[in-house]
């Protein structure tokens, strides 16, 4: 049985550049760093960087929770991301958007007032 998101991995052929960019985006350094993988702890979940994978927009797309999707979208663009999909209201007061990180990966964000942290296992 699936229990919820644990890790979302993003291809990062230039691991040092990706580590630096995601450190700025997340406001923290990774908790795990090896030549084969860099991991950040994000609200109880993990954002991982893989140096031996090919960036692109057709793979798995995770959405990371934010309080204000419009403000976070702007912040990501200011940090060097490119707009992929603007803010969309997908119903039930839930809004999503996505950017392309500087390496060509889709980074999705979601403002979901119904998300219950206590349900995370």
Protein backbone atom coordinates (compact mmCIF):
# COMPACT_ATOMS: atom_id res chain seq x y z
CA UNK A 1 0.00 0.00 0.00
CA UNK A 2 1.30 3.42 -0.87
CA UNK A 3 1.71 5.56 2.21
CA UNK A 4 2.54 8.93 0.66
CA UNK A 5 5.47 10.78 -0.78
CA UNK A 6 8.87 10.05 0.73
CA UNK A 7 11.34 11.21 -1.90
CA UNK A 8 11.22 13.03 -5.22
CA UNK A 9 14.41 12.71 -7.26
CA UNK A 10 15.59 15.20 -9.84
CA UNK A 11 18.30 14.56 -12.45
CA UNK A 12 21.35 16.74 -11.87
CA UNK A 13 24.21 16.11 -14.32
CA UNK A 14 26.04 19.11 -12.79
CA UNK A 15 25.63 18.00 -9.20
CA UNK A 16 27.53 20.93 -7.67
CA UNK A 17 25.44 23.52 -9.54
CA UNK A 18 22.20 21.70 -8.71
CA UNK A 19 23.18 21.43 -5.04
CA UNK A 20 23.91 25.17 -4.91
CA UNK A 21 20.64 26.10 -6.65
CA UNK A 22 18.43 23.85 -4.53
CA UNK A 23 20.23 25.05 -1.38
CA UNK A 24 19.14 28.59 -2.28
CA UNK A 25 15.61 27.51 -3.17
CA UNK A 26 15.17 25.52 0.05
CA UNK A 27 17.13 27.87 2.32
CA UNK A 28 19.23 25.00 3.66
CA UNK A 29 22.15 22.75 2.88
CA UNK A 30 21.63 19.05 2.10
CA UNK A 31 21.63 16.61 4.99
CA UNK A 32 23.19 13.88 2.82
CA UNK A 33 25.87 14.39 0.20
CA UNK A 34 27.80 11.80 -1.78
CA UNK A 35 29.10 11.82 -5.37
CA UNK A 36 26.18 9.58 -6.37
CA UNK A 37 23.34 11.41 -4.54
CA UNK A 38 22.51 14.61 -2.67
CA UNK A 39 19.49 14.67 -0.35
CA UNK A 40 17.60 17.55 1.23
CA UNK A 41 15.02 17.17 4.01
CA UNK A 42 11.93 19.20 3.10
CA UNK A 43 9.04 19.20 5.56
CA UNK A 44 9.52 15.55 6.44
CA UNK A 45 10.07 14.47 2.84
CA UNK A 46 13.17 14.24 0.70
CA UNK A 47 14.24 16.05 -2.44
CA UNK A 48 17.06 14.08 -4.03
CA UNK A 49 19.52 14.96 -6.78
CA UNK A 50 20.84 12.25 -9.10
CA UNK A 51 24.00 13.02 -11.13
CA UNK A 52 23.63 10.10 -13.54
CA UNK A 53 20.12 10.87 -14.80
CA UNK A 54 18.89 12.93 -17.75
CA UNK A 55 16.82 16.06 -17.00
CA UNK A 56 13.54 16.50 -18.78
CA UNK A 57 9.87 17.30 -18.52
CA UNK A 58 8.31 13.90 -19.20
CA UNK A 59 9.18 12.01 -16.02
CA UNK A 60 7.48 11.85 -12.65
CA UNK A 61 6.29 15.24 -11.47
CA UNK A 62 6.04 15.86 -7.76
CA UNK A 63 4.31 18.85 -6.23
CA UNK A 64 5.85 20.41 -3.16
CA UNK A 65 3.56 22.15 -0.67
CA UNK A 66 3.70 25.92 -0.31
CA UNK A 67 1.60 28.45 1.59
CA UNK A 68 1.20 30.86 -1.35
CA UNK A 69 1.66 29.36 -4.82
CA UNK A 70 1.79 32.76 -6.57
CA UNK A 71 4.49 34.16 -4.28
CA UNK A 72 6.57 30.97 -4.41
CA UNK A 73 6.33 30.81 -8.20
CA UNK A 74 7.73 34.33 -8.40
CA UNK A 75 10.51 33.49 -5.92
CA UNK A 76 11.56 30.42 -7.91
CA UNK A 77 11.72 32.44 -11.12
CA UNK A 78 13.80 35.10 -9.36
CA UNK A 79 16.18 32.31 -8.29
CA UNK A 80 16.75 31.26 -11.89
CA UNK A 81 13.92 28.86 -12.72
CA UNK A 82 11.84 29.25 -15.89
CA UNK A 83 8.06 29.26 -15.96
CA UNK A 84 6.67 25.89 -17.04
CA UNK A 85 2.98 26.20 -16.10
CA UNK A 86 1.47 29.26 -14.45
CA UNK A 87 -0.84 29.17 -11.47
CA UNK A 88 -3.91 27.04 -12.08
CA UNK A 89 -6.89 26.61 -9.77
CA UNK A 90 -7.61 22.89 -9.97
CA UNK A 91 -10.72 23.07 -7.76
CA UNK A 92 -11.43 22.92 -4.07
CA UNK A 93 -9.23 25.96 -3.37
CA UNK A 94 -6.18 23.98 -4.54
CA UNK A 95 -3.70 25.79 -6.78
CA UNK A 96 -0.71 24.39 -8.65
CA UNK A 97 2.11 25.76 -10.78
CA UNK A 98 5.46 24.52 -12.03
CA UNK A 99 8.82 25.75 -13.19
CA UNK A 100 11.78 24.27 -14.98
CA UNK A 101 14.81 24.27 -12.75
CA UNK A 102 18.06 25.51 -14.34
CA UNK A 103 18.78 21.92 -15.40
CA UNK A 104 15.53 21.27 -17.30
CA UNK A 105 13.55 19.37 -14.65
CA UNK A 106 9.95 20.18 -13.76
CA UNK A 107 9.54 21.38 -10.17
CA UNK A 108 5.87 21.46 -9.19
CA UNK A 109 4.39 23.43 -6.30
CA UNK A 110 0.95 23.14 -4.71
CA UNK A 111 -1.10 25.28 -2.35
CA UNK A 112 -3.54 22.84 -0.77
CA UNK A 113 -5.51 24.05 2.25
CA UNK A 114 -6.87 20.51 2.73
CA UNK A 115 -3.46 18.85 3.24
CA UNK A 116 -3.23 17.36 6.74
CA UNK A 117 0.30 16.92 8.01
CA UNK A 118 -0.98 14.60 10.73
CA UNK A 119 -2.00 12.12 8.01
CA UNK A 120 1.62 11.74 6.86
CA UNK A 121 3.04 8.36 7.90
